[in-house]
Amino acid sequence: EEVVSNLKETEICFNKISITIPILTKNNNNTYKSYSEICKGELFDNSTMCVQTSQNYFDKGEFLRKQKFGIKVEGAEWDDYNNTCNCISPFNGFYNVYAGYKNRKVIPCSEFDVQSTVYPIK
């Protein structure tokens, strides 16, 4: 939101701006696991790993739609491309960004929307 508020102070045409949304998880030691790996049951601790949920990705797409920005999704290889999470379809992260951007509904997936084994998300 801070970036957007600063951009609004410029004369930049917003319909010429695109923002990148990465679809990936990241550990605090800069290692990555795909959502497919996480959904296979590999344990993680969200005190050291950042994992987005379906709602998080939806909200990012929705925010960019409301700002009238273009969108670029990056990191499809880190999304659940094999549908290991048993969602409605593969690429649940991407499709939730798209749903938010197109003013549709969030596509929840209980296995994709993982919970830490140590620190549950509330």
C-alpha atoms as a PDB file:
ATOM      1  CA  GLU A   1       0.000   0.000   0.000  1.00  0.00           C
ATOM      2  CA  GLU A   2       2.910   2.364   0.667  1.00  0.00           C
ATOM      3  CA  VAL A   3       4.236   1.788  -2.845  1.00  0.00           C
ATOM      4  CA  VAL A   4       0.820   2.522  -4.349  1.00  0.00           C
ATOM      5  CA  SER A   5       0.348   5.700  -2.326  1.00  0.00           C
ATOM      6  CA  ASN A   6       3.733   6.965  -3.537  1.00  0.00           C
ATOM      7  CA  LEU A   7       2.972   6.027  -7.145  1.00  0.00           C
ATOM      8  CA  LYS A   8      -0.285   7.980  -6.956  1.00  0.00           C
ATOM      9  CA  GLU A   9       1.777  11.110  -6.318  1.00  0.00           C
ATOM     10  CA  THR A  10       3.492  10.730  -9.709  1.00  0.00           C
ATOM     11  CA  GLU A  11       2.139  11.273 -13.204  1.00  0.00           C
ATOM     12  CA  ILE A  12       2.572   7.608 -14.111  1.00  0.00           C
ATOM     13  CA  CYS A  13      -0.409   6.110 -15.932  1.00  0.00           C
ATOM     14  CA  PHE A  14      -1.517   3.186 -13.744  1.00  0.00           C
ATOM     15  CA  ASN A  15      -2.767   1.077 -16.638  1.00  0.00           C
ATOM     16  CA  LYS A  16       0.855   0.839 -17.776  1.00  0.00           C
ATOM     17  CA  ILE A  17       2.126  -0.568 -14.463  1.00  0.00           C
ATOM     18  CA  SER A  18       2.286  -4.265 -13.695  1.00  0.00           C
ATOM     19  CA  ILE A  19       3.161  -5.757 -10.340  1.00  0.00           C
ATOM     20  CA  THR A  20       4.754  -9.192  -9.952  1.00  0.00           C
ATOM     21  CA  ILE A  21       3.224 -11.668  -7.518  1.00  0.00           C
ATOM     22  CA  PRO A  22       5.556 -14.589  -6.772  1.00  0.00           C
ATOM     23  CA  ILE A  23       3.910 -17.950  -6.127  1.00  0.00           C
ATOM     24  CA  LEU A  24       6.373 -19.576  -3.767  1.00  0.00           C
ATOM     25  CA  THR A  25       7.238 -20.416  -0.207  1.00  0.00           C
ATOM     26  CA  LYS A  26      10.440 -19.146   1.353  1.00  0.00           C
ATOM     27  CA  ASN A  27      12.443 -20.177   4.374  1.00  0.00           C
ATOM     28  CA  ASN A  28      14.388 -17.622   6.415  1.00  0.00           C
ATOM     29  CA  ASN A  29      17.641 -19.228   5.206  1.00  0.00           C
ATOM     30  CA  ASN A  30      16.576 -18.501   1.585  1.00  0.00           C
ATOM     31  CA  THR A  31      15.574 -22.053   0.710  1.00  0.00           C
ATOM     32  CA  TYR A  32      12.322 -22.875  -1.010  1.00  0.00           C
ATOM     33  CA  LYS A  33       9.799 -25.704  -1.035  1.00  0.00           C
ATOM     34  CA  SER A  34       7.072 -26.010  -3.603  1.00  0.00           C
ATOM     35  CA  TYR A  35       3.470 -26.281  -2.492  1.00  0.00           C
ATOM     36  CA  SER A  36       3.568 -29.805  -3.955  1.00  0.00           C
ATOM     37  CA  GLU A  37       6.345 -30.707  -1.489  1.00  0.00           C
ATOM     38  CA  ILE A  38       4.498 -29.155   1.436  1.00  0.00           C
ATOM     39  CA  CYS A  39       1.280 -30.980   0.520  1.00  0.00           C
ATOM     40  CA  LYS A  40       3.149 -34.289   0.457  1.00  0.00           C
ATOM     41  CA  GLY A  41       3.231 -33.891   4.219  1.00  0.00           C
ATOM     42  CA  GLU A  42       6.683 -32.442   4.765  1.00  0.00           C
ATOM     43  CA  LEU A  43       6.528 -30.652   8.100  1.00  0.00           C
ATOM     44  CA  PHE A  44       7.352 -27.007   8.367  1.00  0.00           C
ATOM     45  CA  ASP A  45       7.389 -24.385  11.061  1.00  0.00           C
ATOM     46  CA  ASN A  46       5.928 -21.025  10.062  1.00  0.00           C
ATOM     47  CA  SER A  47       8.291 -19.255  12.445  1.00  0.00           C
ATOM     48  CA  THR A  48      10.962 -19.913   9.783  1.00  0.00           C
ATOM     49  CA  MET A  49       8.943 -20.351   6.585  1.00  0.00           C
ATOM     50  CA  CYS A  50       6.583 -17.988   4.795  1.00  0.00           C
ATOM     51  CA  VAL A  51       3.657 -19.804   3.171  1.00  0.00           C
ATOM     52  CA  GLN A  52       0.726 -18.020   1.534  1.00  0.00           C
ATOM     53  CA  THR A  53      -2.840 -19.338   1.626  1.00  0.00           C
ATOM     54  CA  SER A  54      -5.525 -19.309  -1.058  1.00  0.00           C
ATOM     55  CA  GLN A  55      -6.994 -16.213   0.594  1.00  0.00           C
ATOM     56  CA  ASN A  56      -3.601 -14.446   0.632  1.00  0.00           C
ATOM     57  CA  TYR A  57      -3.163 -14.962  -3.116  1.00  0.00           C
ATOM     58  CA  PHE A  58      -6.766 -13.939  -3.791  1.00  0.00           C
ATOM     59  CA  ASP A  59      -6.291 -10.741  -1.771  1.00  0.00           C
ATOM     60  CA  LYS A  60      -3.186  -9.819  -3.775  1.00  0.00           C
ATOM     61  CA  GLY A  61      -5.069 -10.186  -7.062  1.00  0.00           C
ATOM     62  CA  GLU A  62      -8.024  -8.231  -5.694  1.00  0.00           C
ATOM     63  CA  PHE A  63      -5.778  -5.413  -4.459  1.00  0.00           C
ATOM     64  CA  LEU A  64      -4.136  -5.021  -7.869  1.00  0.00           C
ATOM     65  CA  ARG A  65      -7.531  -5.043  -9.609  1.00  0.00           C
ATOM     66  CA  LYS A  66      -8.752  -2.245  -7.360  1.00  0.00           C
ATOM     67  CA  GLN A  67      -5.620  -0.236  -8.147  1.00  0.00           C
ATOM     68  CA  LYS A  68      -6.170  -0.854 -11.887  1.00  0.00           C
ATOM     69  CA  PHE A  69      -2.662  -2.299 -12.233  1.00  0.00           C
ATOM     70  CA  GLY A  70      -1.560  -5.001 -14.593  1.00  0.00           C
ATOM     71  CA  ILE A  71      -0.436  -8.239 -13.036  1.00  0.00           C
ATOM     72  CA  LYS A  72       2.425 -10.659 -13.595  1.00  0.00           C
ATOM     73  CA  VAL A  73       2.522 -13.994 -11.785  1.00  0.00           C
ATOM     74  CA  GLU A  74       5.937 -15.554 -11.324  1.00  0.00           C
ATOM     75  CA  GLY A  75       7.109 -18.908  -9.975  1.00  0.00           C
ATOM     76  CA  ALA A  76       4.552 -21.342 -11.372  1.00  0.00           C
ATOM     77  CA  GLU A  77       7.084 -24.108 -10.760  1.00  0.00           C
ATOM     78  CA  TRP A  78       6.657 -23.484  -7.004  1.00  0.00           C
ATOM     79  CA  ASP A  79       2.856 -23.650  -7.160  1.00  0.00           C
ATOM     80  CA  ASP A  80       1.067 -26.998  -6.799  1.00  0.00           C
ATOM     81  CA  TYR A  81       1.411 -27.917 -10.472  1.00  0.00           C
ATOM     82  CA  ASN A  82       0.729 -31.652  -9.882  1.00  0.00           C
ATOM     83  CA  ASN A  83      -2.309 -30.965  -7.684  1.00  0.00           C
ATOM     84  CA  THR A  84      -0.674 -32.833  -4.804  1.00  0.00           C
ATOM     85  CA  CYS A  85      -2.817 -30.697  -2.487  1.00  0.00           C
ATOM     86  CA  ASN A  86      -6.022 -32.189  -3.977  1.00  0.00           C
ATOM     87  CA  CYS A  87      -7.487 -28.804  -4.865  1.00  0.00           C
ATOM     88  CA  ILE A  88     -10.172 -28.206  -7.499  1.00  0.00           C
ATOM     89  CA  SER A  89      -7.345 -27.939 -10.049  1.00  0.00           C
ATOM     90  CA  PRO A  90      -3.555 -27.653 -10.206  1.00  0.00           C
ATOM     91  CA  PHE A  91      -1.984 -24.187  -9.757  1.00  0.00           C
ATOM     92  CA  ASN A  92      -4.234 -23.149  -6.870  1.00  0.00           C
ATOM     93  CA  GLY A  93      -2.041 -20.140  -6.051  1.00  0.00           C
ATOM     94  CA  PHE A  94      -2.201 -18.787  -9.595  1.00  0.00           C
ATOM     95  CA  TYR A  95      -5.944 -19.359  -9.948  1.00  0.00           C
ATOM     96  CA  ASN A  96      -6.613 -17.508  -6.693  1.00  0.00           C
ATOM     97  CA  VAL A  97      -4.581 -14.500  -7.846  1.00  0.00           C
ATOM     98  CA  TYR A  98      -6.588 -14.602 -11.073  1.00  0.00           C
ATOM     99  CA  ALA A  99      -9.912 -14.961  -9.200  1.00  0.00           C
ATOM    100  CA  GLY A 100      -9.155 -11.891  -7.088  1.00  0.00           C
ATOM    101  CA  TYR A 101      -8.066  -9.934 -10.148  1.00  0.00           C
ATOM    102  CA  LYS A 102     -11.226 -10.852 -12.072  1.00  0.00           C
ATOM    103  CA  ASN A 103     -13.558 -10.093  -9.117  1.00  0.00           C
ATOM    104  CA  ARG A 104     -14.543 -13.735  -8.615  1.00  0.00           C
ATOM    105  CA  LYS A 105     -14.558 -15.810  -5.426  1.00  0.00           C
ATOM    106  CA  VAL A 106     -11.637 -17.272  -3.519  1.00  0.00           C
ATOM    107  CA  ILE A 107     -10.976 -20.949  -4.292  1.00  0.00           C
ATOM    108  CA  PRO A 108     -10.160 -22.551  -0.922  1.00  0.00           C
ATOM    109  CA  CYS A 109      -8.181 -25.774  -0.655  1.00  0.00           C
ATOM    110  CA  SER A 110      -7.632 -27.229   2.800  1.00  0.00           C
ATOM    111  CA  GLU A 111      -4.352 -28.982   1.981  1.00  0.00           C
ATOM    112  CA  PHE A 112      -2.936 -25.942   0.135  1.00  0.00           C
ATOM    113  CA  ASP A 113      -3.965 -23.682   3.016  1.00  0.00           C
ATOM    114  CA  VAL A 114      -1.494 -25.417   5.287  1.00  0.00           C
ATOM    115  CA  GLN A 115      -1.065 -24.865   8.982  1.00  0.00           C
ATOM    116  CA  SER A 116       2.238 -24.924  10.790  1.00  0.00           C
ATOM    117  CA  THR A 117       2.829 -27.939  12.982  1.00  0.00           C
ATOM    118  CA  VAL A 118       4.280 -25.634  15.626  1.00  0.00           C
ATOM    119  CA  TYR A 119       2.477 -22.292  15.263  1.00  0.00           C
ATOM    120  CA  PRO A 120      -1.089 -22.582  13.903  1.00  0.00           C
ATOM    121  CA  ILE A 121      -2.305 -19.630  11.850  1.00  0.00           C
ATOM    122  CA  LYS A 122      -5.377 -18.058  13.462  1.00  0.00           C
END
